[in-house]
C-alpha atoms as a PDB file:
ATOM      1  CA  UNK A   1     -49.457 -14.270 -19.190  1.00  0.00           C
ATOM      2  CA  UNK A   2     -47.163 -13.762 -16.197  1.00  0.00           C
ATOM      3  CA  UNK A   3     -46.689 -10.487 -14.318  1.00  0.00           C
ATOM      4  CA  UNK A   4     -43.562  -9.996 -11.858  1.00  0.00           C
ATOM      5  CA  UNK A   5     -43.758  -7.236 -10.002  1.00  0.00           C
ATOM      6  CA  UNK A   6     -40.712  -5.743  -8.242  1.00  0.00           C
ATOM      7  CA  UNK A   7     -41.985  -3.430  -5.437  1.00  0.00           C
ATOM      8  CA  UNK A   8     -41.284  -2.787  -1.673  1.00  0.00           C
ATOM      9  CA  UNK A   9     -45.118  -2.687  -1.178  1.00  0.00           C
ATOM     10  CA  UNK A  10     -46.757  -6.019  -2.213  1.00  0.00           C
ATOM     11  CA  UNK A  11     -49.501  -5.709  -0.013  1.00  0.00           C
ATOM     12  CA  UNK A  12     -50.821  -2.633  -1.519  1.00  0.00           C
ATOM     13  CA  UNK A  13     -51.727  -4.857  -4.807  1.00  0.00           C
ATOM     14  CA  UNK A  14     -54.129  -7.310  -2.603  1.00  0.00           C
ATOM     15  CA  UNK A  15     -57.428  -5.691  -2.981  1.00  0.00           C
ATOM     16  CA  UNK A  16     -57.000  -4.428  -6.554  1.00  0.00           C
ATOM     17  CA  UNK A  17     -55.949  -7.891  -7.529  1.00  0.00           C
ATOM     18  CA  UNK A  18     -58.715  -9.776  -5.973  1.00  0.00           C
ATOM     19  CA  UNK A  19     -61.615  -7.423  -7.149  1.00  0.00           C
ATOM     20  CA  UNK A  20     -63.717  -7.519 -10.259  1.00  0.00           C
ATOM     21  CA  UNK A  21     -63.031  -9.097 -13.566  1.00  0.00           C
ATOM     22  CA  UNK A  22     -58.993  -8.994 -13.052  1.00  0.00           C
ATOM     23  CA  UNK A  23     -59.645 -11.122  -9.741  1.00  0.00           C
ATOM     24  CA  UNK A  24     -62.025 -13.393 -11.833  1.00  0.00           C
ATOM     25  CA  UNK A  25     -59.197 -13.643 -14.669  1.00  0.00           C
ATOM     26  CA  UNK A  26     -56.426 -14.501 -12.026  1.00  0.00           C
ATOM     27  CA  UNK A  27     -58.796 -17.159 -10.322  1.00  0.00           C
ATOM     28  CA  UNK A  28     -59.123 -18.736 -13.837  1.00  0.00           C
ATOM     29  CA  UNK A  29     -55.325 -18.633 -14.619  1.00  0.00           C
ATOM     30  CA  UNK A  30     -55.765 -16.395 -17.507  1.00  0.00           C
ATOM     31  CA  UNK A  31     -52.760 -14.418 -16.052  1.00  0.00           C
ATOM     32  CA  UNK A  32     -50.542 -14.900 -12.822  1.00  0.00           C
ATOM     33  CA  UNK A  33     -49.211 -11.981 -10.787  1.00  0.00           C
ATOM     34  CA  UNK A  34     -46.001 -12.557  -8.622  1.00  0.00           C
ATOM     35  CA  UNK A  35     -44.106 -10.572  -6.255  1.00  0.00           C
ATOM     36  CA  UNK A  36     -40.506  -9.751  -5.482  1.00  0.00           C
ATOM     37  CA  UNK A  37     -39.320  -7.309  -2.983  1.00  0.00           C
ATOM     38  CA  UNK A  38     -35.859  -5.857  -3.557  1.00  0.00           C
ATOM     39  CA  UNK A  39     -35.842  -5.671   0.432  1.00  0.00           C
ATOM     40  CA  UNK A  40     -35.193  -9.330   0.606  1.00  0.00           C
ATOM     41  CA  UNK A  41     -31.825  -9.191  -1.242  1.00  0.00           C
ATOM     42  CA  UNK A  42     -30.114  -6.612   0.793  1.00  0.00           C
ATOM     43  CA  UNK A  43     -27.074  -7.583   2.626  1.00  0.00           C
ATOM     44  CA  UNK A  44     -26.876  -5.441   5.507  1.00  0.00           C
ATOM     45  CA  UNK A  45     -28.530  -5.521   8.769  1.00  0.00           C
ATOM     46  CA  UNK A  46     -30.917  -2.348   8.209  1.00  0.00           C
ATOM     47  CA  UNK A  47     -31.888  -4.099   4.941  1.00  0.00           C
ATOM     48  CA  UNK A  48     -31.327  -0.781   3.353  1.00  0.00           C
ATOM     49  CA  UNK A  49     -32.762  -0.032  -0.317  1.00  0.00           C
ATOM     50  CA  UNK A  50     -31.977   3.486  -0.593  1.00  0.00           C
ATOM     51  CA  UNK A  51     -28.982   5.672  -0.524  1.00  0.00           C
ATOM     52  CA  UNK A  52     -28.090   9.420  -1.147  1.00  0.00           C
ATOM     53  CA  UNK A  53     -27.461  10.683  -4.506  1.00  0.00           C
ATOM     54  CA  UNK A  54     -23.743  11.154  -5.698  1.00  0.00           C
ATOM     55  CA  UNK A  55     -23.187  15.072  -6.411  1.00  0.00           C
ATOM     56  CA  UNK A  56     -25.640  15.851  -3.755  1.00  0.00           C
ATOM     57  CA  UNK A  57     -29.344  16.559  -4.053  1.00  0.00           C
ATOM     58  CA  UNK A  58     -32.897  16.283  -2.316  1.00  0.00           C
ATOM     59  CA  UNK A  59     -34.034  13.016  -1.386  1.00  0.00           C
ATOM     60  CA  UNK A  60     -32.949   9.118  -1.992  1.00  0.00           C
ATOM     61  CA  UNK A  61     -32.365   7.058  -4.599  1.00  0.00           C
ATOM     62  CA  UNK A  62     -33.152   3.342  -4.686  1.00  0.00           C
ATOM     63  CA  UNK A  63     -29.761   1.341  -4.982  1.00  0.00           C
ATOM     64  CA  UNK A  64     -29.018  -0.986  -7.892  1.00  0.00           C
ATOM     65  CA  UNK A  65     -27.975  -3.933  -6.296  1.00  0.00           C
ATOM     66  CA  UNK A  66     -31.279  -5.235  -4.644  1.00  0.00           C
ATOM     67  CA  UNK A  67     -33.055  -4.325  -7.808  1.00  0.00           C
ATOM     68  CA  UNK A  68     -30.653  -6.184 -10.064  1.00  0.00           C
ATOM     69  CA  UNK A  69     -30.755  -9.388  -7.672  1.00  0.00           C
ATOM     70  CA  UNK A  70     -34.686  -9.315  -7.400  1.00  0.00           C
ATOM     71  CA  UNK A  71     -35.076  -9.258 -11.316  1.00  0.00           C
ATOM     72  CA  UNK A  72     -32.270 -11.859 -11.616  1.00  0.00           C
ATOM     73  CA  UNK A  73     -33.877 -14.083  -9.470  1.00  0.00           C
ATOM     74  CA  UNK A  74     -37.045 -14.246 -11.705  1.00  0.00           C
ATOM     75  CA  UNK A  75     -37.872 -16.928 -14.288  1.00  0.00           C
ATOM     76  CA  UNK A  76     -37.307 -15.867 -18.050  1.00  0.00           C
ATOM     77  CA  UNK A  77     -40.219 -16.691 -20.400  1.00  0.00           C
ATOM     78  CA  UNK A  78     -39.366 -16.479 -24.102  1.00  0.00           C
ATOM     79  CA  UNK A  79     -41.483 -13.484 -24.824  1.00  0.00           C
ATOM     80  CA  UNK A  80     -40.475 -11.077 -21.823  1.00  0.00           C
ATOM     81  CA  UNK A  81     -40.622  -7.319 -21.363  1.00  0.00           C
ATOM     82  CA  UNK A  82     -39.071  -5.607 -18.658  1.00  0.00           C
ATOM     83  CA  UNK A  83     -40.644  -2.194 -17.774  1.00  0.00           C
ATOM     84  CA  UNK A  84     -39.929   0.527 -15.400  1.00  0.00           C
ATOM     85  CA  UNK A  85     -42.761   2.659 -14.139  1.00  0.00           C
ATOM     86  CA  UNK A  86     -41.305   6.253 -14.683  1.00  0.00           C
ATOM     87  CA  UNK A  87     -42.601   9.570 -15.364  1.00  0.00           C
ATOM     88  CA  UNK A  88     -40.101   9.696 -18.093  1.00  0.00           C
ATOM     89  CA  UNK A  89     -41.402   6.908 -20.002  1.00  0.00           C
ATOM     90  CA  UNK A  90     -44.094   6.740 -22.905  1.00  0.00           C
ATOM     91  CA  UNK A  91     -47.356   7.192 -21.516  1.00  0.00           C
ATOM     92  CA  UNK A  92     -49.848   4.283 -20.985  1.00  0.00           C
ATOM     93  CA  UNK A  93     -52.371   4.173 -23.941  1.00  0.00           C
ATOM     94  CA  UNK A  94     -54.600   1.393 -25.499  1.00  0.00           C
ATOM     95  CA  UNK A  95     -52.257   0.701 -28.428  1.00  0.00           C
ATOM     96  CA  UNK A  96     -49.551  -0.004 -25.784  1.00  0.00           C
ATOM     97  CA  UNK A  97     -51.882  -2.034 -23.864  1.00  0.00           C
ATOM     98  CA  UNK A  98     -53.115  -4.163 -27.022  1.00  0.00           C
ATOM     99  CA  UNK A  99     -49.154  -4.636 -27.723  1.00  0.00           C
ATOM    100  CA  UNK A 100     -48.345  -5.925 -24.316  1.00  0.00           C
ATOM    101  CA  UNK A 101     -51.258  -8.161 -24.373  1.00  0.00           C
ATOM    102  CA  UNK A 102     -50.668  -9.512 -27.663  1.00  0.00           C
ATOM    103  CA  UNK A 103     -47.026  -9.926 -27.995  1.00  0.00           C
ATOM    104  CA  UNK A 104     -45.632 -11.045 -24.452  1.00  0.00           C
ATOM    105  CA  UNK A 105     -45.753 -13.883 -22.243  1.00  0.00           C
ATOM    106  CA  UNK A 106     -44.080 -12.087 -19.228  1.00  0.00           C
ATOM    107  CA  UNK A 107     -43.896  -8.663 -18.106  1.00  0.00           C
ATOM    108  CA  UNK A 108     -41.633  -7.592 -15.375  1.00  0.00           C
ATOM    109  CA  UNK A 109     -42.664  -4.197 -13.703  1.00  0.00           C
ATOM    110  CA  UNK A 110     -40.108  -2.552 -11.599  1.00  0.00           C
ATOM    111  CA  UNK A 111     -41.715  -0.001  -9.175  1.00  0.00           C
ATOM    112  CA  UNK A 112     -39.391   3.105  -8.018  1.00  0.00           C
ATOM    113  CA  UNK A 113     -39.595   4.939  -4.804  1.00  0.00           C
ATOM    114  CA  UNK A 114     -38.280   7.842  -3.130  1.00  0.00           C
ATOM    115  CA  UNK A 115     -36.664  10.437  -5.754  1.00  0.00           C
ATOM    116  CA  UNK A 116     -36.066   7.428  -8.213  1.00  0.00           C
ATOM    117  CA  UNK A 117     -33.611   4.684  -9.037  1.00  0.00           C
ATOM    118  CA  UNK A 118     -30.053   4.583  -9.722  1.00  0.00           C
ATOM    119  CA  UNK A 119     -29.602   5.126 -13.595  1.00  0.00           C
ATOM    120  CA  UNK A 120     -27.866   1.579 -13.806  1.00  0.00           C
ATOM    121  CA  UNK A 121     -31.178  -0.031 -13.264  1.00  0.00           C
ATOM    122  CA  UNK A 122     -32.102   1.012 -16.626  1.00  0.00           C
ATOM    123  CA  UNK A 123     -29.743  -1.440 -18.020  1.00  0.00           C
ATOM    124  CA  UNK A 124     -32.463  -4.178 -16.997  1.00  0.00           C
ATOM    125  CA  UNK A 125     -35.169  -2.350 -18.591  1.00  0.00           C
ATOM    126  CA  UNK A 126     -36.539  -2.723 -22.176  1.00  0.00           C
ATOM    127  CA  UNK A 127     -39.438   0.047 -21.688  1.00  0.00           C
ATOM    128  CA  UNK A 128     -39.767   2.848 -19.608  1.00  0.00           C
ATOM    129  CA  UNK A 129     -43.793   3.746 -19.208  1.00  0.00           C
ATOM    130  CA  UNK A 130     -45.635   6.382 -17.334  1.00  0.00           C
ATOM    131  CA  UNK A 131     -49.184   6.918 -16.036  1.00  0.00           C
ATOM    132  CA  UNK A 132     -48.939  10.647 -17.136  1.00  0.00           C
ATOM    133  CA  UNK A 133     -47.179  13.938 -16.666  1.00  0.00           C
ATOM    134  CA  UNK A 134     -47.326  13.902 -12.889  1.00  0.00           C
ATOM    135  CA  UNK A 135     -45.457  12.606 -10.061  1.00  0.00           C
ATOM    136  CA  UNK A 136     -46.646   9.937  -7.511  1.00  0.00           C
ATOM    137  CA  UNK A 137     -44.950   8.541  -4.490  1.00  0.00           C
ATOM    138  CA  UNK A 138     -43.965   5.314  -6.241  1.00  0.00           C
ATOM    139  CA  UNK A 139     -44.738   3.000  -9.169  1.00  0.00           C
ATOM    140  CA  UNK A 140     -47.299   0.793  -7.555  1.00  0.00           C
ATOM    141  CA  UNK A 141     -50.384   2.630  -8.681  1.00  0.00           C
ATOM    142  CA  UNK A 142     -49.140   3.074 -12.424  1.00  0.00           C
ATOM    143  CA  UNK A 143     -48.337  -0.686 -12.433  1.00  0.00           C
ATOM    144  CA  UNK A 144     -51.686  -1.468 -11.281  1.00  0.00           C
ATOM    145  CA  UNK A 145     -53.316   0.513 -13.995  1.00  0.00           C
ATOM    146  CA  UNK A 146     -51.048  -1.386 -16.317  1.00  0.00           C
ATOM    147  CA  UNK A 147     -51.673  -4.745 -15.209  1.00  0.00           C
ATOM    148  CA  UNK A 148     -55.288  -3.809 -15.208  1.00  0.00           C
ATOM    149  CA  UNK A 149     -55.294  -2.676 -18.792  1.00  0.00           C
ATOM    150  CA  UNK A 150     -53.234  -5.629 -20.196  1.00  0.00           C
ATOM    151  CA  UNK A 151     -55.247  -8.367 -18.264  1.00  0.00           C
ATOM    152  CA  UNK A 152     -58.768  -7.142 -19.575  1.00  0.00           C
ATOM    153  CA  UNK A 153     -57.710  -7.442 -23.015  1.00  0.00           C
ATOM    154  CA  UNK A 154     -56.389 -11.166 -22.590  1.00  0.00           C
ATOM    155  CA  UNK A 155     -58.534 -13.750 -24.116  1.00  0.00           C
ATOM    156  CA  UNK A 156     -61.446 -14.834 -21.623  1.00  0.00           C
ATOM    157  CA  UNK A 157     -61.403 -11.766 -19.014  1.00  0.00           C
ATOM    158  CA  UNK A 158     -64.272 -10.043 -20.510  1.00  0.00           C
ATOM    159  CA  UNK A 159     -67.264 -12.148 -21.490  1.00  0.00           C
ATOM    160  CA  UNK A 160     -68.287 -10.526 -24.737  1.00  0.00           C
ATOM    161  CA  UNK A 161     -64.671  -9.796 -26.455  1.00  0.00           C
ATOM    162  CA  UNK A 162     -66.678  -7.969 -29.132  1.00  0.00           C
ATOM    163  CA  UNK A 163     -67.434  -5.175 -26.714  1.00  0.00           C
ATOM    164  CA  UNK A 164     -63.576  -4.639 -26.348  1.00  0.00           C
ATOM    165  CA  UNK A 165     -63.761  -3.261 -29.988  1.00  0.00           C
ATOM    166  CA  UNK A 166     -66.480  -0.657 -29.311  1.00  0.00           C
ATOM    167  CA  UNK A 167     -64.723   0.828 -26.499  1.00  0.00           C
ATOM    168  CA  UNK A 168     -62.917   4.346 -26.137  1.00  0.00           C
ATOM    169  CA  UNK A 169     -59.772   4.556 -28.310  1.00  0.00           C
ATOM    170  CA  UNK A 170     -59.947   1.405 -29.943  1.00  0.00           C
ATOM    171  CA  UNK A 171     -60.866   3.231 -33.227  1.00  0.00           C
ATOM    172  CA  UNK A 172     -59.203   6.461 -32.603  1.00  0.00           C
ATOM    173  CA  UNK A 173     -62.452   7.896 -31.153  1.00  0.00           C
ATOM    174  CA  UNK A 174     -63.948   8.314 -27.628  1.00  0.00           C
ATOM    175  CA  UNK A 175     -66.876   6.048 -26.854  1.00  0.00           C
ATOM    176  CA  UNK A 176     -70.454   7.077 -27.664  1.00  0.00           C
ATOM    177  CA  UNK A 177     -72.999   7.844 -24.881  1.00  0.00           C
ATOM    178  CA  UNK A 178     -74.994   5.057 -23.309  1.00  0.00           C
ATOM    179  CA  UNK A 179     -78.241   4.711 -21.521  1.00  0.00           C
ATOM    180  CA  UNK A 180     -80.208   1.819 -19.575  1.00  0.00           C
ATOM    181  CA  UNK A 181     -83.507   1.762 -18.144  1.00  0.00           C
ATOM    182  CA  UNK A 182     -85.691   3.703 -17.170  1.00  0.00           C
ATOM    183  CA  UNK A 183     -86.316   5.515 -20.337  1.00  0.00           C
ATOM    184  CA  UNK A 184     -87.099   8.684 -18.454  1.00  0.00           C
ATOM    185  CA  UNK A 185     -85.361   9.688 -15.092  1.00  0.00           C
ATOM    186  CA  UNK A 186     -86.006  12.913 -13.632  1.00  0.00           C
ATOM    187  CA  UNK A 187     -87.541  14.283 -16.861  1.00  0.00           C
ATOM    188  CA  UNK A 188     -84.451  13.148 -18.780  1.00  0.00           C
ATOM    189  CA  UNK A 189     -85.134  11.244 -21.622  1.00  0.00           C
ATOM    190  CA  UNK A 190     -83.218   8.420 -23.543  1.00  0.00           C
ATOM    191  CA  UNK A 191     -82.624   9.466 -27.460  1.00  0.00           C
ATOM    192  CA  UNK A 192     -85.551   8.545 -29.476  1.00  0.00           C
ATOM    193  CA  UNK A 193     -83.131   6.752 -31.781  1.00  0.00           C
ATOM    194  CA  UNK A 194     -82.099   4.271 -29.252  1.00  0.00           C
ATOM    195  CA  UNK A 195     -85.750   3.142 -28.752  1.00  0.00           C
ATOM    196  CA  UNK A 196     -86.374   2.788 -32.489  1.00  0.00           C
ATOM    197  CA  UNK A 197     -85.360  -0.795 -32.867  1.00  0.00           C
ATOM    198  CA  UNK A 198     -83.628   0.664 -36.257  1.00  0.00           C
ATOM    199  CA  UNK A 199     -80.202  -1.014 -35.657  1.00  0.00           C
ATOM    200  CA  UNK A 200     -78.776   1.022 -38.800  1.00  0.00           C
ATOM    201  CA  UNK A 201     -80.003   4.211 -37.602  1.00  0.00           C
ATOM    202  CA  UNK A 202     -78.605   3.417 -34.046  1.00  0.00           C
ATOM    203  CA  UNK A 203     -75.185   2.781 -35.427  1.00  0.00           C
ATOM    204  CA  UNK A 204     -75.196   5.954 -37.661  1.00  0.00           C
ATOM    205  CA  UNK A 205     -76.170   8.001 -34.252  1.00  0.00           C
ATOM    206  CA  UNK A 206     -73.466   6.365 -32.434  1.00  0.00           C
ATOM    207  CA  UNK A 207     -70.779   6.811 -34.636  1.00  0.00           C
ATOM    208  CA  UNK A 208     -71.676  10.630 -35.204  1.00  0.00           C
ATOM    209  CA  UNK A 209     -71.728  10.838 -31.429  1.00  0.00           C
ATOM    210  CA  UNK A 210     -68.220   9.392 -31.308  1.00  0.00           C
ATOM    211  CA  UNK A 211     -67.141  11.804 -33.662  1.00  0.00           C
ATOM    212  CA  UNK A 212     -68.855  14.830 -32.059  1.00  0.00           C
ATOM    213  CA  UNK A 213     -67.668  13.885 -28.510  1.00  0.00           C
ATOM    214  CA  UNK A 214     -64.043  13.250 -29.597  1.00  0.00           C
ATOM    215  CA  UNK A 215     -63.764  16.691 -31.440  1.00  0.00           C
ATOM    216  CA  UNK A 216     -65.254  18.501 -28.331  1.00  0.00           C
ATOM    217  CA  UNK A 217     -63.449  16.529 -25.499  1.00  0.00           C
ATOM    218  CA  UNK A 218     -60.345  15.537 -27.173  1.00  0.00           C
ATOM    219  CA  UNK A 219     -59.392  17.552 -30.054  1.00  0.00           C
ATOM    220  CA  UNK A 220     -55.849  15.985 -30.274  1.00  0.00           C
ATOM    221  CA  UNK A 221     -57.529  12.458 -30.829  1.00  0.00           C
ATOM    222  CA  UNK A 222     -59.765  14.216 -33.198  1.00  0.00           C
ATOM    223  CA  UNK A 223     -57.140  15.703 -35.187  1.00  0.00           C
ATOM    224  CA  UNK A 224     -55.100  12.191 -35.136  1.00  0.00           C
ATOM    225  CA  UNK A 225     -58.134  10.692 -36.435  1.00  0.00           C
ATOM    226  CA  UNK A 226     -58.799  12.973 -38.955  1.00  0.00           C
ATOM    227  CA  UNK A 227     -55.088  12.460 -40.314  1.00  0.00           C
ATOM    228  CA  UNK A 228     -55.230   8.962 -40.275  1.00  0.00           C
ATOM    229  CA  UNK A 229     -58.627   9.178 -42.354  1.00  0.00           C
ATOM    230  CA  UNK A 230     -56.821  11.579 -44.962  1.00  0.00           C
ATOM    231  CA  UNK A 231     -58.812  14.574 -43.538  1.00  0.00           C
ATOM    232  CA  UNK A 232     -62.372  12.919 -44.125  1.00  0.00           C
ATOM    233  CA  UNK A 233     -64.252  13.967 -41.289  1.00  0.00           C
ATOM    234  CA  UNK A 234     -67.739  13.330 -43.119  1.00  0.00           C
ATOM    235  CA  UNK A 235     -70.153  11.747 -40.836  1.00  0.00           C
ATOM    236  CA  UNK A 236     -71.596   8.952 -42.608  1.00  0.00           C
END
């Protein structure tokens, strides 16, 4: 998969993309990340990418021209999505990451800055995506989260692909509690069932824990899970 990031600050991605599983995935060419800076497409001597909003208001807006030129300079792959990182977009969640990882060859991400971008930039965009209901200084951090979430779902990134199916949100529930050695740590013990070797009992305990944890921590997810199951919340 190819990612093209339209950003004024490409250097801020360096550490994130060179670290951990994502760095390894890029090294193995499971995905590639490319950067294009709108400032490189300005025509004035000050390389100005922002201006005052018409009608007045606080702050500055990113101008449409440099962003249009930056996006238009990119190659176009057959299955392409152009995403604007925006607090007005749909919130990143696991179904969205699965959709992007499975249905597209190229994802173009536009990172806004200042008070936002000229509305005409949205003519380039096929989807607006948000990290959540809060405001950051720019779209770079949300775009890093999006790239991370998509790349880790691509075949070959995670060593045991089966583990991806057992994570939080994959089945509409949060993940179950997990433990490793030592069995006793500061008088806190691992649940006996996990030490029993009884795989059926372990699976049942984990499923019950997922339901209980989701009900307590994320009642919104729990209600959606119940609705999908037709109201059957019985722990089996």
